[in-house]
Protein backbone atom coordinates (compact mmCIF):
# COMPACT_ATOMS: atom_id res chain seq x y z
CA UNK A 1 -5.77 -18.93 -18.88
CA UNK A 2 -7.51 -15.63 -19.63
CA UNK A 3 -10.92 -17.25 -19.09
CA UNK A 4 -10.19 -18.23 -15.47
CA UNK A 5 -11.76 -16.14 -12.67
CA UNK A 6 -9.21 -13.55 -11.53
CA UNK A 7 -6.82 -14.85 -14.16
CA UNK A 8 -4.07 -12.38 -13.26
CA UNK A 9 -3.68 -14.03 -9.87
CA UNK A 10 -2.37 -17.18 -11.55
CA UNK A 11 1.10 -17.74 -12.99
CA UNK A 12 0.69 -17.62 -16.75
CA UNK A 13 2.63 -20.07 -18.95
CA UNK A 14 5.53 -18.86 -21.05
CA UNK A 15 3.38 -19.12 -24.16
CA UNK A 16 1.55 -16.02 -22.90
CA UNK A 17 3.08 -12.54 -23.10
CA UNK A 18 3.33 -10.98 -19.64
CA UNK A 19 4.80 -7.59 -18.73
CA UNK A 20 5.66 -6.05 -15.39
CA UNK A 21 2.82 -3.57 -15.78
CA UNK A 22 0.40 -6.52 -15.67
CA UNK A 23 1.06 -6.59 -11.92
CA UNK A 24 -1.05 -3.44 -11.64
CA UNK A 25 -4.11 -4.61 -13.55
CA UNK A 26 -6.36 -4.96 -10.50
CA UNK A 27 -5.10 -1.95 -8.59
CA UNK A 28 -5.48 0.23 -11.71
CA UNK A 29 -9.07 -0.91 -12.03
CA UNK A 30 -9.58 -0.06 -8.37
CA UNK A 31 -8.15 3.42 -8.91
CA UNK A 32 -10.44 3.88 -11.88
CA UNK A 33 -13.42 3.04 -9.66
CA UNK A 34 -12.08 5.47 -7.05
CA UNK A 35 -12.03 8.23 -9.68
CA UNK A 36 -8.25 8.57 -9.93
CA UNK A 37 -7.32 7.19 -13.38
CA UNK A 38 -9.28 8.83 -16.23
CA UNK A 39 -9.87 7.06 -19.56
CA UNK A 40 -7.87 7.95 -22.67
CA UNK A 41 -10.70 9.37 -24.80
CA UNK A 42 -11.45 13.07 -24.33
CA UNK A 43 -15.23 12.75 -24.20
CA UNK A 44 -15.02 9.91 -21.69
CA UNK A 45 -12.55 11.95 -19.63
CA UNK A 46 -15.03 14.81 -19.32
CA UNK A 47 -17.77 12.48 -18.10
CA UNK A 48 -15.33 10.72 -15.80
CA UNK A 49 -14.34 14.08 -14.31
CA UNK A 50 -17.81 14.30 -12.78
CA UNK A 51 -17.29 10.92 -11.11
CA UNK A 52 -13.95 12.13 -9.73
CA UNK A 53 -15.65 15.19 -8.26
CA UNK A 54 -18.39 13.05 -6.70
CA UNK A 55 -15.98 10.58 -5.07
CA UNK A 56 -13.72 13.39 -3.84
CA UNK A 57 -16.54 15.42 -2.31
CA UNK A 58 -18.43 12.48 -0.82
CA UNK A 59 -15.55 10.35 0.47
CA UNK A 60 -12.69 12.75 1.14
CA UNK A 61 -14.59 15.86 2.28
CA UNK A 62 -18.14 15.12 3.44
CA UNK A 63 -17.29 11.87 5.24
CA UNK A 64 -14.76 13.65 7.45
CA UNK A 65 -17.21 16.49 8.06
CA UNK A 66 -19.91 13.97 8.99
CA UNK A 67 -17.67 12.26 11.53
CA UNK A 68 -16.75 15.60 13.09
CA UNK A 69 -20.38 16.70 13.23
CA UNK A 70 -21.37 13.47 14.97
CA UNK A 71 -19.03 14.34 17.86
CA UNK A 72 -20.68 17.75 18.29
CA UNK A 73 -24.30 16.73 17.67
CA UNK A 74 -24.53 13.26 19.22
CA UNK A 75 -21.63 13.13 21.66
CA UNK A 76 -23.87 12.41 24.67
CA UNK A 77 -25.52 9.48 22.87
CA UNK A 78 -22.23 7.65 22.39
CA UNK A 79 -21.39 4.87 24.76
CA UNK A 80 -17.67 4.22 25.34
CA UNK A 81 -17.43 1.42 22.78
CA UNK A 82 -19.23 3.41 20.08
CA UNK A 83 -17.11 6.47 20.74
CA UNK A 84 -13.83 4.54 20.51
CA UNK A 85 -15.00 2.76 17.34
CA UNK A 86 -15.94 6.09 15.79
CA UNK A 87 -12.77 7.82 17.00
CA UNK A 88 -10.37 5.14 15.78
CA UNK A 89 -12.07 5.10 12.40
CA UNK A 90 -12.34 8.89 12.35
CA UNK A 91 -8.62 9.41 12.88
CA UNK A 92 -7.87 6.79 10.24
CA UNK A 93 -10.34 8.45 7.83
CA UNK A 94 -8.69 11.85 8.25
CA UNK A 95 -5.34 10.26 7.52
CA UNK A 96 -6.86 8.29 4.66
CA UNK A 97 -8.15 11.50 3.08
CA UNK A 98 -4.66 12.98 3.13
CA UNK A 99 -3.16 9.77 1.74
CA UNK A 100 -5.82 9.64 -0.98
CA UNK A 101 -4.98 13.21 -2.03
CA UNK A 102 -1.27 12.43 -2.27
CA UNK A 103 -1.95 9.18 -4.14
CA UNK A 104 -4.29 10.92 -6.59
CA UNK A 105 -1.67 13.62 -7.16
CA UNK A 106 0.93 10.94 -7.90
CA UNK A 107 -0.97 9.18 -10.69
CA UNK A 108 1.40 10.58 -13.32
CA UNK A 109 4.34 9.20 -11.38
CA UNK A 110 2.77 5.74 -11.48
CA UNK A 111 2.53 6.03 -15.26
CA UNK A 112 6.20 7.04 -15.46
CA UNK A 113 7.17 4.09 -13.22
CA UNK A 114 5.38 1.67 -15.56
CA UNK A 115 7.31 3.07 -18.51
CA UNK A 116 10.55 2.40 -16.63
CA UNK A 117 9.40 -1.16 -15.95
CA UNK A 118 8.75 -1.60 -19.66
CA UNK A 119 12.38 -0.72 -20.32
CA UNK A 120 13.51 -3.17 -17.63
CA UNK A 121 11.37 -5.89 -19.21
CA UNK A 122 13.37 -5.63 -22.42
CA UNK A 123 16.27 -7.29 -20.61
CA UNK A 124 14.16 -10.35 -19.70
CA UNK A 125 14.94 -12.53 -22.70
CA UNK A 126 15.48 -16.03 -21.33
CA UNK A 127 12.69 -18.38 -20.28
CA UNK A 128 14.06 -18.42 -16.74
CA UNK A 129 13.82 -14.64 -16.45
CA UNK A 130 10.37 -14.53 -18.03
CA UNK A 131 9.05 -17.20 -15.65
CA UNK A 132 10.46 -15.19 -12.76
CA UNK A 133 8.48 -12.16 -13.95
CA UNK A 134 5.31 -14.21 -14.43
CA UNK A 135 5.50 -15.36 -10.81
CA UNK A 136 6.02 -11.87 -9.43
CA UNK A 137 3.20 -10.42 -11.53
CA UNK A 138 0.82 -13.06 -10.14
CA UNK A 139 2.09 -12.41 -6.61
CA UNK A 140 1.43 -8.68 -6.86
CA UNK A 141 -2.13 -9.23 -8.05
CA UNK A 142 -2.64 -11.69 -5.19
CA UNK A 143 -1.49 -9.02 -2.74
CA UNK A 144 -4.06 -6.59 -4.09
CA UNK A 145 -6.88 -9.12 -3.77
CA UNK A 146 -5.74 -9.94 -0.23
CA UNK A 147 -6.07 -6.27 0.70
CA UNK A 148 -9.46 -6.15 -1.03
CA UNK A 149 -10.80 -9.05 1.02
CA UNK A 150 -9.45 -7.85 4.38
CA UNK A 151 -10.56 -4.24 4.02
CA UNK A 152 -13.99 -5.19 2.68
CA UNK A 153 -14.42 -7.72 5.48
CA UNK A 154 -13.75 -5.03 8.07
CA UNK A 155 -16.45 -2.72 6.69
CA UNK A 156 -18.98 -5.55 6.39
CA UNK A 157 -18.31 -7.08 9.81
CA UNK A 158 -18.49 -3.71 11.59
CA UNK A 159 -21.73 -2.85 9.79
CA UNK A 160 -23.35 -6.17 10.67
CA UNK A 161 -22.16 -6.10 14.29
CA UNK A 162 -23.69 -2.67 14.79
CA UNK A 163 -26.88 -3.18 12.79
CA UNK A 164 -27.77 -6.53 14.34
CA UNK A 165 -27.37 -5.03 17.81
CA UNK A 166 -29.67 -2.14 16.90
CA UNK A 167 -26.95 0.52 16.70
CA UNK A 168 -25.31 2.45 13.89
CA UNK A 169 -21.79 1.12 13.48
CA UNK A 170 -20.02 4.47 13.13
CA UNK A 171 -22.83 6.90 14.13
CA UNK A 172 -21.98 9.31 11.31
CA UNK A 173 -24.01 12.51 11.25
CA UNK A 174 -26.84 12.23 8.70
CA UNK A 175 -29.31 15.14 8.62
CA UNK A 176 -31.45 13.50 5.92
CA UNK A 177 -32.48 10.33 7.78
CA UNK A 178 -33.53 10.01 11.41
CA UNK A 179 -32.39 6.53 12.35
CA UNK A 180 -34.56 6.55 15.49
CA UNK A 181 -37.82 7.33 13.69
CA UNK A 182 -38.58 3.74 12.74
CA UNK A 183 -37.00 0.38 12.02
CA UNK A 184 -37.07 1.09 8.28
CA UNK A 185 -35.33 4.41 8.82
CA UNK A 186 -32.70 2.72 10.97
CA UNK A 187 -31.82 0.13 8.33
CA UNK A 188 -31.81 2.76 5.60
CA UNK A 189 -29.43 4.92 7.64
CA UNK A 190 -27.25 1.90 8.51
CA UNK A 191 -26.97 0.77 4.88
CA UNK A 192 -26.23 4.30 3.69
CA UNK A 193 -23.55 4.61 6.37
CA UNK A 194 -22.05 1.28 5.30
CA UNK A 195 -21.91 2.28 1.62
CA UNK A 196 -20.42 5.64 2.54
CA UNK A 197 -17.77 4.14 4.78
CA UNK A 198 -17.00 1.44 2.19
CA UNK A 199 -15.98 4.20 -0.20
CA UNK A 200 -13.48 5.54 2.33
CA UNK A 201 -12.21 2.03 3.09
CA UNK A 202 -11.78 1.37 -0.63
CA UNK A 203 -9.75 4.54 -1.18
CA UNK A 204 -7.67 3.73 1.89
CA UNK A 205 -7.02 0.31 0.42
CA UNK A 206 -5.67 1.88 -2.78
CA UNK A 207 -3.35 4.19 -0.83
CA UNK A 208 -2.09 1.36 1.39
CA UNK A 209 -1.56 -1.34 -1.21
CA UNK A 210 0.12 0.52 -4.07
CA UNK A 211 3.53 0.97 -2.33
CA UNK A 212 3.70 -2.76 -1.64
CA UNK A 213 2.80 -3.77 -5.19
CA UNK A 214 5.08 -1.27 -6.93
CA UNK A 215 8.07 -2.14 -4.77
CA UNK A 216 7.51 -5.87 -5.02
CA UNK A 217 8.01 -5.47 -8.75
CA UNK A 218 11.15 -3.47 -8.03
CA UNK A 219 12.47 -6.39 -5.96
CA UNK A 220 11.76 -8.71 -8.87
CA UNK A 221 14.01 -6.67 -11.17
CA UNK A 222 16.71 -6.26 -8.52
CA UNK A 223 16.80 -10.06 -8.20
CA UNK A 224 17.24 -10.38 -11.95
CA UNK A 225 20.04 -7.81 -11.88
CA UNK A 226 21.84 -9.82 -9.19
CA UNK A 227 21.66 -12.87 -11.42
CA UNK A 228 23.10 -10.92 -14.35
CA UNK A 229 25.97 -9.62 -12.22
CA UNK A 230 26.86 -13.15 -11.11
CA UNK A 231 26.98 -14.28 -14.76
CA UNK A 232 29.31 -11.52 -15.94
CA UNK A 233 32.24 -12.98 -17.96
CA UNK A 234 31.16 -16.57 -17.29
CA UNK A 235 30.19 -17.28 -20.89
CA UNK A 236 33.39 -18.35 -22.62
CA UNK A 237 31.80 -17.85 -26.07
CA UNK A 238 31.60 -14.08 -25.62
CA UNK A 239 34.44 -11.74 -26.60
CA UNK A 240 35.83 -9.08 -24.26
CA UNK A 241 33.92 -6.46 -26.22
CA UNK A 242 30.66 -8.35 -25.68
CA UNK A 243 31.44 -8.86 -21.99
CA UNK A 244 32.02 -5.13 -21.65
CA UNK A 245 28.66 -4.49 -23.35
CA UNK A 246 26.99 -6.77 -20.79
CA UNK A 247 28.57 -4.77 -17.98
CA UNK A 248 27.30 -1.53 -19.51
CA UNK A 249 23.82 -3.03 -19.77
CA UNK A 250 23.93 -3.92 -16.07
CA UNK A 251 24.90 -0.34 -15.27
CA UNK A 252 21.91 0.79 -17.30
CA UNK A 253 19.67 -1.61 -15.36
CA UNK A 254 20.89 -0.17 -12.07
CA UNK A 255 20.21 3.37 -13.26
CA UNK A 256 16.67 2.40 -14.21
CA UNK A 257 16.14 0.94 -10.74
CA UNK A 258 17.37 4.15 -9.09
CA UNK A 259 15.22 6.27 -11.41
CA UNK A 260 12.22 4.09 -10.58
CA UNK A 261 12.78 4.70 -6.86
CA UNK A 262 13.22 8.45 -7.29
CA UNK A 263 10.06 8.60 -9.41
CA UNK A 264 7.90 7.00 -6.73
CA UNK A 265 9.72 8.43 -3.70
CA UNK A 266 7.76 11.71 -3.30
CA UNK A 267 4.30 10.14 -3.24
CA UNK A 268 5.37 7.10 -1.20
CA UNK A 269 7.21 9.32 1.28
CA UNK A 270 4.11 11.43 1.90
CA UNK A 271 1.65 8.55 2.33
CA UNK A 272 3.89 6.51 4.63
CA UNK A 273 4.66 9.63 6.70
CA UNK A 274 0.94 10.11 7.38
CA UNK A 275 0.61 6.44 8.30
CA UNK A 276 3.51 6.65 10.75
CA UNK A 277 1.95 9.68 12.45
CA UNK A 278 -1.40 7.97 13.03
CA UNK A 279 -0.79 4.24 13.29
CA UNK A 280 0.35 4.20 16.93
CA UNK A 281 -2.57 6.23 18.26
CA UNK A 282 -5.14 4.36 16.16
CA UNK A 283 -3.76 1.00 17.26
CA UNK A 284 -3.81 2.09 20.90
CA UNK A 285 -7.46 3.22 20.74
CA UNK A 286 -8.44 -0.02 19.01
CA UNK A 287 -6.72 -2.21 21.60
CA UNK A 288 -8.44 -0.27 24.42
CA UNK A 289 -11.79 -0.79 22.70
CA UNK A 290 -11.19 -4.53 22.37
CA UNK A 291 -9.91 -4.96 25.93
CA UNK A 292 -12.48 -2.95 27.87
CA UNK A 293 -15.62 -2.09 25.91
CA UNK A 294 -16.29 -4.32 22.91
CA UNK A 295 -18.72 -7.20 22.77
CA UNK A 296 -17.78 -10.33 20.85
CA UNK A 297 -19.09 -9.11 17.49
CA UNK A 298 -17.94 -5.51 17.80
CA UNK A 299 -14.62 -6.84 19.09
CA UNK A 300 -14.33 -9.01 16.00
CA UNK A 301 -14.76 -5.95 13.77
CA UNK A 302 -12.25 -4.01 15.88
CA UNK A 303 -9.75 -6.88 15.67
CA UNK A 304 -10.05 -6.95 11.87
CA UNK A 305 -9.61 -3.17 11.84
CA UNK A 306 -6.48 -3.53 14.00
CA UNK A 307 -5.07 -6.09 11.58
CA UNK A 308 -5.82 -3.76 8.65
CA UNK A 309 -4.02 -0.91 10.44
CA UNK A 310 -0.97 -3.13 10.89
CA UNK A 311 -1.09 -3.90 7.17
CA UNK A 312 -0.78 -0.19 6.41
CA UNK A 313 2.86 -0.06 7.47
CA UNK A 314 4.31 -3.47 8.35
CA UNK A 315 4.44 -5.13 4.87
CA UNK A 316 5.94 -2.10 3.14
CA UNK A 317 8.51 -1.54 5.91
CA UNK A 318 9.50 -5.20 5.58
CA UNK A 319 9.85 -4.83 1.80
CA UNK A 320 12.02 -1.73 2.25
CA UNK A 321 14.29 -3.73 4.55
CA UNK A 322 14.57 -6.44 1.91
CA UNK A 323 15.37 -3.86 -0.77
CA UNK A 324 18.13 -2.38 1.42
CA UNK A 325 19.59 -5.89 1.79
CA UNK A 326 19.22 -6.48 -1.94
CA UNK A 327 21.10 -3.29 -2.76
CA UNK A 328 24.00 -4.47 -0.58
CA UNK A 329 23.96 -7.86 -2.26
CA UNK A 330 24.31 -6.14 -5.63
CA UNK A 331 27.75 -4.94 -4.56
CA UNK A 332 28.71 -8.43 -3.36
CA UNK A 333 27.54 -10.03 -6.60
CA UNK A 334 29.50 -7.53 -8.67
CA UNK A 335 32.66 -7.84 -6.58
CA UNK A 336 32.61 -11.64 -6.72
CA UNK A 337 32.00 -11.75 -10.46
CA UNK A 338 34.73 -12.94 -12.81
CA UNK A 339 36.65 -9.68 -13.37
CA UNK A 340 40.24 -10.38 -12.19
CA UNK A 341 41.62 -11.27 -15.61
CA UNK A 342 39.54 -8.71 -17.53
CA UNK A 343 41.12 -5.95 -19.59
CA UNK A 344 41.87 -2.52 -18.17
CA UNK A 345 38.76 -0.78 -19.57
CA UNK A 346 36.45 -3.42 -18.07
CA UNK A 347 38.10 -3.23 -14.62
CA UNK A 348 38.06 0.58 -14.63
CA UNK A 349 34.34 0.68 -15.45
CA UNK A 350 33.60 -2.04 -12.90
CA UNK A 351 35.33 -0.03 -10.13
CA UNK A 352 33.14 2.99 -10.83
CA UNK A 353 30.04 0.80 -10.95
CA UNK A 354 31.04 -0.91 -7.70
CA UNK A 355 31.35 2.48 -6.01
CA UNK A 356 27.86 3.53 -7.14
CA UNK A 357 26.16 0.24 -6.38
CA UNK A 358 27.43 0.29 -2.79
CA UNK A 359 25.05 3.15 -2.02
CA UNK A 360 22.00 1.54 -0.33
CA UNK A 361 18.50 2.12 -1.65
CA UNK A 362 16.75 3.81 1.28
CA UNK A 363 13.21 5.19 1.30
CA UNK A 364 12.22 7.87 3.79
CA UNK A 365 8.85 9.00 5.14
CA UNK A 366 8.47 12.75 4.83
CA UNK A 367 12.25 13.06 4.66
CA UNK A 368 12.28 12.38 8.43
CA UNK A 369 11.88 8.65 9.14
CA UNK A 370 13.73 5.87 7.36
CA UNK A 371 11.09 3.40 6.21
CA UNK A 372 12.24 0.19 7.88
CA UNK A 373 11.10 -2.42 10.37
CA UNK A 374 12.88 -0.67 13.24
CA UNK A 375 10.95 2.54 12.56
CA UNK A 376 7.71 0.59 12.29
CA UNK A 377 8.31 -1.09 15.66
CA UNK A 378 9.14 2.27 17.25
CA UNK A 379 5.92 3.80 15.96
CA UNK A 380 3.86 0.76 17.03
CA UNK A 381 5.21 1.06 20.58
CA UNK A 382 3.08 4.19 20.92
CA UNK A 383 0.02 1.91 20.97
CA UNK A 384 1.29 0.19 24.13
CA UNK A 385 2.01 3.58 25.67
CA UNK A 386 -1.59 4.64 25.06
CA UNK A 387 -2.95 1.42 26.61
CA UNK A 388 -0.63 1.73 29.62
CA UNK A 389 -1.68 5.35 30.15
CA UNK A 390 -5.37 4.41 30.12
CA UNK A 391 -4.86 1.52 32.54
CA UNK A 392 -2.81 3.53 35.02
CA UNK A 393 -5.40 6.32 35.20
CA UNK A 394 -8.33 3.85 35.34
CA UNK A 395 -10.02 5.76 32.54
CA UNK A 396 -11.75 2.63 31.24
CA UNK A 397 -13.27 1.83 34.63
CA UNK A 398 -14.58 5.39 34.99
CA UNK A 399 -16.27 5.18 31.59
CA UNK A 400 -17.90 1.88 32.53
CA UNK A 401 -19.38 3.43 35.65
């Protein structure tokens, strides 16, 4: 199994040892490439620090400066389609830089979350539970590779659409190479721009995919906890003392789940808040570009970009909705467990646990917005408002003229 290409995307057999932290194998490698996860050895960490500085300066700082400079230096050379392509990407890049900073600052929290998952894994003793974990680990790695393909395809398609039409895809300011000097200079500038933008797209991919992967694993353990609650006091071979110990273990599982959420909440809250602020405007600009100014090939790149923007918020909001439903089901599973004829100590502990488990698991963005599908739809409506505003004022027709 280990010899297969992208082996972690496959469900490993029960003969192999799989942990929840194996769901983050690919995304951890991606963060290492991005300069966010240093190696363990001290000497290697010092060398790696230089790579972190390079990626931070080039992708987070200079890329944004280059996009801003292009608006001041080459604004008159932009046609409407180029300007919208640059503007939609520029706004997303500024937001991506902020998200990357928050994600980089939260690396220690990711490590703490993995330690909590290791403790949750200790409760997965049966083959049924282990197989459940194997499937979710494979699913999380598949999600990461899906993001990798879609984000990389956007950068490549936009680069090719611009280069083959004789134009720089993003028209980033580059004082070192004059793209108009010769054909060789143009292709050198276009390739450099593509590599540069690919770095920003890659970091954006890390910031957008980690909430989905980490909370998919949370759902996996919530599902297992629901199964354990349903089985409470169903095994006639166990004594009341052993049944009480099982209840206490379930309480411990619930506490680990809540601690896991509180560990990741600050960094997730910040990154999703930035996405909510920008996603409506960016989507609106992209739709305008596709409807009024894009050719077939540039429109294809814009459509892929639009789909990638939707992926920044929609999947995670959907997962948060599922987790809220799961947290309510925990209370139902506990209430409908076999507790009526239990002793007084068991029923007293169960009542306290039932009170605590009724509190829904809710994630917020910046402490302002509840991360849910309804919030995501409300934010996305801004895109239609932007398009309607442009159509009513005939701005697109004036640009064409």
